[in-house]
PDB file of all heavy atoms in Angstrom:
ATOM      1  N   LEU A   1       0.828  -1.205   0.000  1.00  0.00           N
ATOM      2  CA  LEU A   1       0.000   0.000   0.000  1.00  0.00           C
ATOM      3  C   LEU A   1       0.867   1.261   0.000  1.00  0.00           C
ATOM      4  O   LEU A   1       0.496   2.290  -0.579  1.00  0.00           O
ATOM      5  CB  LEU A   1      -0.925  -0.021   1.217  1.00  0.00           C
ATOM      6  CG  LEU A   1      -2.026   1.034   1.284  1.00  0.00           C
ATOM      7  CD1 LEU A   1      -3.075   0.785   0.217  1.00  0.00           C
ATOM      8  CD2 LEU A   1      -2.677   1.028   2.667  1.00  0.00           C
ATOM      9  N   LYS A   2       2.014   1.178   0.652  1.00  0.00           N
ATOM     10  CA  LYS A   2       2.930   2.318   0.737  1.00  0.00           C
ATOM     11  C   LYS A   2       3.417   2.757  -0.640  1.00  0.00           C
ATOM     12  O   LYS A   2       3.765   3.932  -0.837  1.00  0.00           O
ATOM     13  CB  LYS A   2       4.117   1.933   1.625  1.00  0.00           C
ATOM     14  CG  LYS A   2       5.222   2.959   1.712  1.00  0.00           C
ATOM     15  CD  LYS A   2       6.332   2.500   2.660  1.00  0.00           C
ATOM     16  CE  LYS A   2       7.467   3.510   2.723  1.00  0.00           C
ATOM     17  NZ  LYS A   2       8.513   3.123   3.678  1.00  0.00           N
ATOM     18  N   TYR A   3       3.415   1.837  -1.592  1.00  0.00           N
ATOM     19  CA  TYR A   3       3.998   2.121  -2.903  1.00  0.00           C
ATOM     20  C   TYR A   3       2.941   2.364  -3.980  1.00  0.00           C
ATOM     21  O   TYR A   3       3.278   2.421  -5.168  1.00  0.00           O
ATOM     22  CB  TYR A   3       4.941   0.980  -3.283  1.00  0.00           C
ATOM     23  CG  TYR A   3       6.069   0.869  -2.282  1.00  0.00           C
ATOM     24  CD1 TYR A   3       6.044  -0.095  -1.283  1.00  0.00           C
ATOM     25  CD2 TYR A   3       7.117   1.791  -2.290  1.00  0.00           C
ATOM     26  CE1 TYR A   3       7.049  -0.167  -0.334  1.00  0.00           C
ATOM     27  CE2 TYR A   3       8.127   1.726  -1.343  1.00  0.00           C
ATOM     28  CZ  TYR A   3       8.089   0.752  -0.364  1.00  0.00           C
ATOM     29  OH  TYR A   3       9.083   0.701   0.585  1.00  0.00           O
ATOM     30  N   VAL A   4       1.689   2.535  -3.576  1.00  0.00           N
ATOM     31  CA  VAL A   4       0.667   2.965  -4.525  1.00  0.00           C
ATOM     32  C   VAL A   4       0.970   4.416  -4.899  1.00  0.00           C
ATOM     33  O   VAL A   4       1.160   5.267  -4.022  1.00  0.00           O
ATOM     34  CB  VAL A   4      -0.739   2.858  -3.899  1.00  0.00           C
ATOM     35  CG1 VAL A   4      -1.781   3.513  -4.798  1.00  0.00           C
ATOM     36  CG2 VAL A   4      -1.089   1.393  -3.638  1.00  0.00           C
ATOM     37  N   PRO A   5       1.066   4.751  -6.182  1.00  0.00           N
ATOM     38  CA  PRO A   5       1.451   6.123  -6.584  1.00  0.00           C
ATOM     39  C   PRO A   5       0.547   7.188  -5.964  1.00  0.00           C
ATOM     40  O   PRO A   5      -0.681   7.080  -5.985  1.00  0.00           O
ATOM     41  CB  PRO A   5       1.289   6.091  -8.110  1.00  0.00           C
ATOM     42  CG  PRO A   5       1.494   4.655  -8.477  1.00  0.00           C
ATOM     43  CD  PRO A   5       0.903   3.856  -7.357  1.00  0.00           C
ATOM     44  N   GLY A   6       1.184   8.198  -5.372  1.00  0.00           N
ATOM     45  CA  GLY A   6       0.476   9.350  -4.834  1.00  0.00           C
ATOM     46  C   GLY A   6      -0.221   9.133  -3.506  1.00  0.00           C
ATOM     47  O   GLY A   6      -0.966  10.008  -3.048  1.00  0.00           O
ATOM     48  N   ILE A   7       0.039   8.025  -2.862  1.00  0.00           N
ATOM     49  CA  ILE A   7      -0.731   7.703  -1.667  1.00  0.00           C
ATOM     50  C   ILE A   7      -0.216   8.417  -0.423  1.00  0.00           C
ATOM     51  O   ILE A   7       0.988   8.657  -0.270  1.00  0.00           O
ATOM     52  CB  ILE A   7      -0.765   6.177  -1.422  1.00  0.00           C
ATOM     53  CG1 ILE A   7      -1.960   5.797  -0.539  1.00  0.00           C
ATOM     54  CG2 ILE A   7       0.548   5.693  -0.786  1.00  0.00           C
ATOM     55  CD1 ILE A   7      -2.303   4.331  -0.584  1.00  0.00           C
ATOM     56  N   GLU A   8      -1.120   8.777   0.463  1.00  0.00           N
ATOM     57  CA  GLU A   8      -0.850   9.235   1.822  1.00  0.00           C
ATOM     58  C   GLU A   8      -1.846   8.544   2.722  1.00  0.00           C
ATOM     59  O   GLU A   8      -3.047   8.563   2.461  1.00  0.00           O
ATOM     60  CB  GLU A   8      -1.005  10.757   1.956  1.00  0.00           C
ATOM     61  CG  GLU A   8       0.038  11.571   1.230  1.00  0.00           C
ATOM     62  CD  GLU A   8      -0.142  13.062   1.506  1.00  0.00           C
ATOM     63  OE1 GLU A   8       0.134  13.508   2.641  1.00  0.00           O
ATOM     64  OE2 GLU A   8      -0.583  13.762   0.581  1.00  0.00           O
ATOM     65  N   PHE A   9      -1.349   7.954   3.799  1.00  0.00           N
ATOM     66  CA  PHE A   9      -2.216   7.164   4.668  1.00  0.00           C
ATOM     67  C   PHE A   9      -3.124   8.052   5.515  1.00  0.00           C
ATOM     68  O   PHE A   9      -2.720   9.103   6.008  1.00  0.00           O
ATOM     69  CB  PHE A   9      -1.382   6.294   5.615  1.00  0.00           C
ATOM     70  CG  PHE A   9      -0.713   5.118   4.959  1.00  0.00           C
ATOM     71  CD1 PHE A   9      -0.796   4.890   3.599  1.00  0.00           C
ATOM     72  CD2 PHE A   9       0.017   4.211   5.723  1.00  0.00           C
ATOM     73  CE1 PHE A   9      -0.170   3.797   2.999  1.00  0.00           C
ATOM     74  CE2 PHE A   9       0.644   3.122   5.151  1.00  0.00           C
ATOM     75  CZ  PHE A   9       0.552   2.912   3.787  1.00  0.00           C
ATOM     76  N   ARG A  10      -4.353   7.598   5.682  1.00  0.00           N
ATOM     77  CA  ARG A  10      -5.295   8.114   6.683  1.00  0.00           C
ATOM     78  C   ARG A  10      -5.490   9.636   6.593  1.00  0.00           C
ATOM     79  O   ARG A  10      -5.330  10.351   7.573  1.00  0.00           O
ATOM     80  CB  ARG A  10      -4.856   7.713   8.087  1.00  0.00           C
ATOM     81  CG  ARG A  10      -4.646   6.220   8.264  1.00  0.00           C
ATOM     82  CD  ARG A  10      -4.180   5.872   9.655  1.00  0.00           C
ATOM     83  NE  ARG A  10      -5.277   5.948  10.619  1.00  0.00           N
ATOM     84  CZ  ARG A  10      -5.108   6.059  11.931  1.00  0.00           C
ATOM     85  NH1 ARG A  10      -3.893   6.162  12.424  1.00  0.00           N
ATOM     86  NH2 ARG A  10      -6.147   6.103  12.743  1.00  0.00           N
ATOM     87  N   THR A  11      -5.847  10.070   5.419  1.00  0.00           N
ATOM     88  CA  THR A  11      -6.153  11.478   5.215  1.00  0.00           C
ATOM     89  C   THR A  11      -7.024  11.579   3.962  1.00  0.00           C
ATOM     90  O   THR A  11      -7.352  10.560   3.340  1.00  0.00           O
ATOM     91  CB  THR A  11      -4.873  12.316   5.089  1.00  0.00           C
ATOM     92  OG1 THR A  11      -5.207  13.710   5.081  1.00  0.00           O
ATOM     93  CG2 THR A  11      -4.086  11.965   3.834  1.00  0.00           C
ATOM     94  N   ASP A  12      -7.396  12.777   3.607  1.00  0.00           N
ATOM     95  CA  ASP A  12      -8.262  12.991   2.448  1.00  0.00           C
ATOM     96  C   ASP A  12      -7.439  12.832   1.170  1.00  0.00           C
ATOM     97  O   ASP A  12      -7.129  13.795   0.483  1.00  0.00           O
ATOM     98  CB  ASP A  12      -8.898  14.379   2.536  1.00  0.00           C
ATOM     99  CG  ASP A  12     -10.007  14.563   1.512  1.00  0.00           C
ATOM    100  OD1 ASP A  12     -10.390  13.566   0.868  1.00  0.00           O
ATOM    101  OD2 ASP A  12     -10.482  15.695   1.352  1.00  0.00           O
ATOM    102  N   ASN A  13      -7.097  11.589   0.888  1.00  0.00           N
ATOM    103  CA  ASN A  13      -6.218  11.246  -0.228  1.00  0.00           C
ATOM    104  C   ASN A  13      -6.913  10.172  -1.055  1.00  0.00           C
ATOM    105  O   ASN A  13      -7.235   9.093  -0.536  1.00  0.00           O
ATOM    106  CB  ASN A  13      -4.878  10.740   0.318  1.00  0.00           C
ATOM    107  CG  ASN A  13      -3.977  10.163  -0.755  1.00  0.00           C
ATOM    108  OD1 ASN A  13      -4.016   8.955  -1.011  1.00  0.00           O
ATOM    109  ND2 ASN A  13      -3.158  10.995  -1.364  1.00  0.00           N
ATOM    110  N   GLN A  14      -7.143  10.451  -2.329  1.00  0.00           N
ATOM    111  CA  GLN A  14      -7.970   9.560  -3.132  1.00  0.00           C
ATOM    112  C   GLN A  14      -7.373   8.170  -3.317  1.00  0.00           C
ATOM    113  O   GLN A  14      -8.095   7.172  -3.194  1.00  0.00           O
ATOM    114  CB  GLN A  14      -8.275  10.195  -4.491  1.00  0.00           C
ATOM    115  CG  GLN A  14      -9.479   9.566  -5.191  1.00  0.00           C
ATOM    116  CD  GLN A  14     -10.753   9.670  -4.368  1.00  0.00           C
ATOM    117  OE1 GLN A  14     -11.097  10.734  -3.848  1.00  0.00           O
ATOM    118  NE2 GLN A  14     -11.455   8.549  -4.213  1.00  0.00           N
ATOM    119  N   PRO A  15      -6.078   8.016  -3.605  1.00  0.00           N
ATOM    120  CA  PRO A  15      -5.539   6.655  -3.721  1.00  0.00           C
ATOM    121  C   PRO A  15      -5.732   5.839  -2.451  1.00  0.00           C
ATOM    122  O   PRO A  15      -6.063   4.647  -2.517  1.00  0.00           O
ATOM    123  CB  PRO A  15      -4.053   6.892  -4.024  1.00  0.00           C
ATOM    124  CG  PRO A  15      -4.020   8.230  -4.690  1.00  0.00           C
ATOM    125  CD  PRO A  15      -5.080   9.038  -4.003  1.00  0.00           C
ATOM    126  N   PHE A  16      -5.537   6.485  -1.291  1.00  0.00           N
ATOM    127  CA  PHE A  16      -5.739   5.749  -0.042  1.00  0.00           C
ATOM    128  C   PHE A  16      -7.203   5.393   0.157  1.00  0.00           C
ATOM    129  O   PHE A  16      -7.542   4.258   0.530  1.00  0.00           O
ATOM    130  CB  PHE A  16      -5.231   6.555   1.155  1.00  0.00           C
ATOM    131  CG  PHE A  16      -5.490   5.869   2.470  1.00  0.00           C
ATOM    132  CD1 PHE A  16      -4.722   4.791   2.855  1.00  0.00           C
ATOM    133  CD2 PHE A  16      -6.524   6.284   3.305  1.00  0.00           C
ATOM    134  CE1 PHE A  16      -4.970   4.121   4.063  1.00  0.00           C
ATOM    135  CE2 PHE A  16      -6.778   5.635   4.500  1.00  0.00           C
ATOM    136  CZ  PHE A  16      -6.002   4.552   4.875  1.00  0.00           C
ATOM    137  N   LYS A  17      -8.098   6.345  -0.093  1.00  0.00           N
ATOM    138  CA  LYS A  17      -9.519   6.091   0.106  1.00  0.00           C
ATOM    139  C   LYS A  17     -10.012   4.991  -0.831  1.00  0.00           C
ATOM    140  O   LYS A  17     -10.844   4.152  -0.446  1.00  0.00           O
ATOM    141  CB  LYS A  17     -10.318   7.380  -0.081  1.00  0.00           C
ATOM    142  CG  LYS A  17     -10.073   8.409   1.017  1.00  0.00           C
ATOM    143  CD  LYS A  17     -11.063   9.569   0.996  1.00  0.00           C
ATOM    144  CE  LYS A  17     -10.950  10.407  -0.243  1.00  0.00           C
ATOM    145  NZ  LYS A  17     -11.865  11.579  -0.198  1.00  0.00           N
ATOM    146  N   ASN A  18      -9.486   4.975  -2.046  1.00  0.00           N
ATOM    147  CA  ASN A  18      -9.877   3.920  -2.984  1.00  0.00           C
ATOM    148  C   ASN A  18      -9.494   2.543  -2.444  1.00  0.00           C
ATOM    149  O   ASN A  18     -10.288   1.592  -2.485  1.00  0.00           O
ATOM    150  CB  ASN A  18      -9.224   4.147  -4.347  1.00  0.00           C
ATOM    151  CG  ASN A  18      -9.798   5.338  -5.083  1.00  0.00           C
ATOM    152  OD1 ASN A  18     -10.872   5.833  -4.758  1.00  0.00           O
ATOM    153  ND2 ASN A  18      -9.073   5.818  -6.088  1.00  0.00           N
ATOM    154  N   ALA A  19      -8.246   2.433  -1.961  1.00  0.00           N
ATOM    155  CA  ALA A  19      -7.769   1.143  -1.453  1.00  0.00           C
ATOM    156  C   ALA A  19      -8.517   0.745  -0.184  1.00  0.00           C
ATOM    157  O   ALA A  19      -8.917  -0.416  -0.024  1.00  0.00           O
ATOM    158  CB  ALA A  19      -6.268   1.212  -1.194  1.00  0.00           C
ATOM    159  N   MET A  20      -8.702   1.701   0.714  1.00  0.00           N
ATOM    160  CA  MET A  20      -9.396   1.421   1.976  1.00  0.00           C
ATOM    161  C   MET A  20     -10.831   0.994   1.722  1.00  0.00           C
ATOM    162  O   MET A  20     -11.315   0.018   2.307  1.00  0.00           O
ATOM    163  CB  MET A  20      -9.370   2.655   2.870  1.00  0.00           C
ATOM    164  CG  MET A  20     -10.183   2.511   4.139  1.00  0.00           C
ATOM    165  SD  MET A  20     -10.142   4.026   5.115  1.00  0.00           S
ATOM    166  CE  MET A  20     -11.477   3.712   6.276  1.00  0.00           C
ATOM    167  N   GLN A  21     -11.529   1.709   0.839  1.00  0.00           N
ATOM    168  CA  GLN A  21     -12.907   1.364   0.537  1.00  0.00           C
ATOM    169  C   GLN A  21     -12.989  -0.010  -0.126  1.00  0.00           C
ATOM    170  O   GLN A  21     -13.895  -0.806   0.179  1.00  0.00           O
ATOM    171  CB  GLN A  21     -13.537   2.416  -0.373  1.00  0.00           C
ATOM    172  CG  GLN A  21     -15.007   2.145  -0.689  1.00  0.00           C
ATOM    173  CD  GLN A  21     -15.663   3.297  -1.426  1.00  0.00           C
ATOM    174  OE1 GLN A  21     -14.986   4.243  -1.846  1.00  0.00           O
ATOM    175  NE2 GLN A  21     -16.967   3.243  -1.577  1.00  0.00           N
ATOM    176  N   GLY A  22     -12.036  -0.310  -0.975  1.00  0.00           N
ATOM    177  CA  GLY A  22     -12.040  -1.599  -1.650  1.00  0.00           C
ATOM    178  C   GLY A  22     -11.932  -2.756  -0.682  1.00  0.00           C
ATOM    179  O   GLY A  22     -12.667  -3.751  -0.798  1.00  0.00           O
ATOM    180  N   PHE A  23     -11.032  -2.641   0.301  1.00  0.00           N
ATOM    181  CA  PHE A  23     -10.885  -3.735   1.257  1.00  0.00           C
ATOM    182  C   PHE A  23     -12.079  -3.802   2.203  1.00  0.00           C
ATOM    183  O   PHE A  23     -12.555  -4.897   2.532  1.00  0.00           O
ATOM    184  CB  PHE A  23      -9.589  -3.591   2.058  1.00  0.00           C
ATOM    185  CG  PHE A  23      -9.392  -4.714   3.039  1.00  0.00           C
ATOM    186  CD1 PHE A  23      -9.027  -5.973   2.586  1.00  0.00           C
ATOM    187  CD2 PHE A  23      -9.591  -4.521   4.399  1.00  0.00           C
ATOM    188  CE1 PHE A  23      -8.863  -7.027   3.474  1.00  0.00           C
ATOM    189  CE2 PHE A  23      -9.420  -5.569   5.298  1.00  0.00           C
ATOM    190  CZ  PHE A  23      -9.053  -6.827   4.833  1.00  0.00           C
ATOM    191  N   THR A  24     -12.567  -2.648   2.653  1.00  0.00           N
ATOM    192  CA  THR A  24     -13.739  -2.641   3.530  1.00  0.00           C
ATOM    193  C   THR A  24     -14.928  -3.298   2.841  1.00  0.00           C
ATOM    194  O   THR A  24     -15.648  -4.115   3.434  1.00  0.00           O
ATOM    195  CB  THR A  24     -14.090  -1.201   3.945  1.00  0.00           C
ATOM    196  OG1 THR A  24     -12.954  -0.596   4.580  1.00  0.00           O
ATOM    197  CG2 THR A  24     -15.270  -1.179   4.904  1.00  0.00           C
ATOM    198  N   LEU A  25     -15.137  -2.954   1.564  1.00  0.00           N
ATOM    199  CA  LEU A  25     -16.230  -3.539   0.790  1.00  0.00           C
ATOM    200  C   LEU A  25     -16.029  -5.052   0.643  1.00  0.00           C
ATOM    201  O   LEU A  25     -17.001  -5.823   0.719  1.00  0.00           O
ATOM    202  CB  LEU A  25     -16.303  -2.876  -0.586  1.00  0.00           C
ATOM    203  CG  LEU A  25     -17.451  -3.327  -1.502  1.00  0.00           C
ATOM    204  CD1 LEU A  25     -18.801  -3.028  -0.872  1.00  0.00           C
ATOM    205  CD2 LEU A  25     -17.332  -2.644  -2.864  1.00  0.00           C
ATOM    206  N   LYS A  26     -14.778  -5.470   0.437  1.00  0.00           N
ATOM    207  CA  LYS A  26     -14.484  -6.905   0.328  1.00  0.00           C
ATOM    208  C   LYS A  26     -14.939  -7.643   1.585  1.00  0.00           C
ATOM    209  O   LYS A  26     -15.596  -8.694   1.500  1.00  0.00           O
ATOM    210  CB  LYS A  26     -12.983  -7.094   0.116  1.00  0.00           C
ATOM    211  CG  LYS A  26     -12.498  -8.537   0.171  1.00  0.00           C
ATOM    212  CD  LYS A  26     -12.856  -9.303  -1.068  1.00  0.00           C
ATOM    213  CE  LYS A  26     -12.274 -10.707  -1.040  1.00  0.00           C
ATOM    214  NZ  LYS A  26     -12.633 -11.478  -2.255  1.00  0.00           N
ATOM    215  N   ILE A  27     -14.617  -7.114   2.752  1.00  0.00           N
ATOM    216  CA  ILE A  27     -14.972  -7.769   4.010  1.00  0.00           C
ATOM    217  C   ILE A  27     -16.483  -7.729   4.232  1.00  0.00           C
ATOM    218  O   ILE A  27     -17.098  -8.739   4.608  1.00  0.00           O
ATOM    219  CB  ILE A  27     -14.225  -7.125   5.186  1.00  0.00           C
ATOM    220  CG1 ILE A  27     -12.712  -7.310   5.013  1.00  0.00           C
ATOM    221  CG2 ILE A  27     -14.686  -7.713   6.510  1.00  0.00           C
ATOM    222  CD1 ILE A  27     -12.252  -8.752   4.947  1.00  0.00           C
ATOM    223  N   VAL A  28     -17.097  -6.580   4.016  1.00  0.00           N
ATOM    224  CA  VAL A  28     -18.542  -6.469   4.220  1.00  0.00           C
ATOM    225  C   VAL A  28     -19.289  -7.421   3.296  1.00  0.00           C
ATOM    226  O   VAL A  28     -20.219  -8.130   3.720  1.00  0.00           O
ATOM    227  CB  VAL A  28     -19.010  -5.016   4.019  1.00  0.00           C
ATOM    228  CG1 VAL A  28     -20.539  -4.942   3.927  1.00  0.00           C
ATOM    229  CG2 VAL A  28     -18.522  -4.132   5.163  1.00  0.00           C
ATOM    230  N   ASN A  29     -18.901  -7.481   2.038  1.00  0.00           N
ATOM    231  CA  ASN A  29     -19.571  -8.387   1.108  1.00  0.00           C
ATOM    232  C   ASN A  29     -19.368  -9.849   1.491  1.00  0.00           C
ATOM    233  O   ASN A  29     -20.264 -10.686   1.312  1.00  0.00           O
ATOM    234  CB  ASN A  29     -19.081  -8.140  -0.320  1.00  0.00           C
ATOM    235  CG  ASN A  29     -19.663  -6.873  -0.925  1.00  0.00           C
ATOM    236  OD1 ASN A  29     -20.647  -6.334  -0.424  1.00  0.00           O
ATOM    237  ND2 ASN A  29     -19.059  -6.386  -1.998  1.00  0.00           N
ATOM    238  N   MET A  30     -18.187 -10.166   2.009  1.00  0.00           N
ATOM    239  CA  MET A  30     -17.941 -11.535   2.465  1.00  0.00           C
ATOM    240  C   MET A  30     -18.853 -11.881   3.634  1.00  0.00           C
ATOM    241  O   MET A  30     -19.438 -12.973   3.691  1.00  0.00           O
ATOM    242  CB  MET A  30     -16.471 -11.695   2.874  1.00  0.00           C
ATOM    243  CG  MET A  30     -16.129 -13.074   3.410  1.00  0.00           C
ATOM    244  SD  MET A  30     -14.396 -13.227   3.853  1.00  0.00           S
ATOM    245  CE  MET A  30     -13.653 -13.227   2.232  1.00  0.00           C
ATOM    246  N   MET A  31     -18.998 -10.950   4.564  1.00  0.00           N
ATOM    247  CA  MET A  31     -19.877 -11.186   5.711  1.00  0.00           C
ATOM    248  C   MET A  31     -21.332 -11.319   5.250  1.00  0.00           C
ATOM    249  O   MET A  31     -22.077 -12.174   5.734  1.00  0.00           O
ATOM    250  CB  MET A  31     -19.750 -10.048   6.721  1.00  0.00           C
ATOM    251  CG  MET A  31     -18.365  -9.861   7.332  1.00  0.00           C
ATOM    252  SD  MET A  31     -17.740 -11.311   8.209  1.00  0.00           S
ATOM    253  CE  MET A  31     -16.540 -11.941   7.016  1.00  0.00           C
ATOM    254  N   LYS A  32     -21.736 -10.482   4.304  1.00  0.00           N
ATOM    255  CA  LYS A  32     -23.109 -10.568   3.783  1.00  0.00           C
ATOM    256  C   LYS A  32     -23.338 -11.900   3.076  1.00  0.00           C
ATOM    257  O   LYS A  32     -24.398 -12.527   3.234  1.00  0.00           O
ATOM    258  CB  LYS A  32     -23.382  -9.410   2.828  1.00  0.00           C
ATOM    259  CG  LYS A  32     -23.577  -8.055   3.492  1.00  0.00           C
ATOM    260  CD  LYS A  32     -23.894  -6.986   2.443  1.00  0.00           C
ATOM    261  CE  LYS A  32     -24.156  -5.638   3.075  1.00  0.00           C
ATOM    262  NZ  LYS A  32     -24.469  -4.597   2.059  1.00  0.00           N
ATOM    263  N   ALA A  33     -22.365 -12.328   2.274  1.00  0.00           N
ATOM    264  CA  ALA A  33     -22.518 -13.581   1.537  1.00  0.00           C
ATOM    265  C   ALA A  33     -22.690 -14.765   2.480  1.00  0.00           C
ATOM    266  O   ALA A  33     -23.383 -15.738   2.151  1.00  0.00           O
ATOM    267  CB  ALA A  33     -21.313 -13.798   0.619  1.00  0.00           C
ATOM    268  N   GLU A  34     -22.071 -14.694   3.649  1.00  0.00           N
ATOM    269  CA  GLU A  34     -22.177 -15.755   4.644  1.00  0.00           C
ATOM    270  C   GLU A  34     -23.312 -15.503   5.633  1.00  0.00           C
ATOM    271  O   GLU A  34     -23.475 -16.257   6.590  1.00  0.00           O
ATOM    272  CB  GLU A  34     -20.845 -15.899   5.399  1.00  0.00           C
ATOM    273  CG  GLU A  34     -19.669 -16.292   4.533  1.00  0.00           C
ATOM    274  CD  GLU A  34     -19.741 -17.736   4.061  1.00  0.00           C
ATOM    275  OE1 GLU A  34     -20.484 -18.529   4.690  1.00  0.00           O
ATOM    276  OE2 GLU A  34     -19.071 -18.071   3.061  1.00  0.00           O
ATOM    277  N   ARG A  35     -24.079 -14.428   5.418  1.00  0.00           N
ATOM    278  CA  ARG A  35     -25.213 -14.052   6.261  1.00  0.00           C
ATOM    279  C   ARG A  35     -24.791 -13.932   7.732  1.00  0.00           C
ATOM    280  O   ARG A  35     -25.412 -14.495   8.638  1.00  0.00           O
ATOM    281  CB  ARG A  35     -26.367 -15.044   6.109  1.00  0.00           C
ATOM    282  CG  ARG A  35     -26.848 -15.200   4.669  1.00  0.00           C
ATOM    283  CD  ARG A  35     -28.170 -15.929   4.580  1.00  0.00           C
ATOM    284  NE  ARG A  35     -29.241 -15.158   5.188  1.00  0.00           N
ATOM    285  CZ  ARG A  35     -29.883 -14.139   4.614  1.00  0.00           C
ATOM    286  NH1 ARG A  35     -29.541 -13.751   3.381  1.00  0.00           N
ATOM    287  NH2 ARG A  35     -30.848 -13.508   5.243  1.00  0.00           N
TER     288      ARG A  35
END
């Protein structure tokens, strides 16, 4: 994650927000799929 171009952790930074949202969505969808 540190080497994603233009990234800054835990701030209003689009590359970080994209990655964070992607993983959060992955976990939430997994939990939903398993009810």
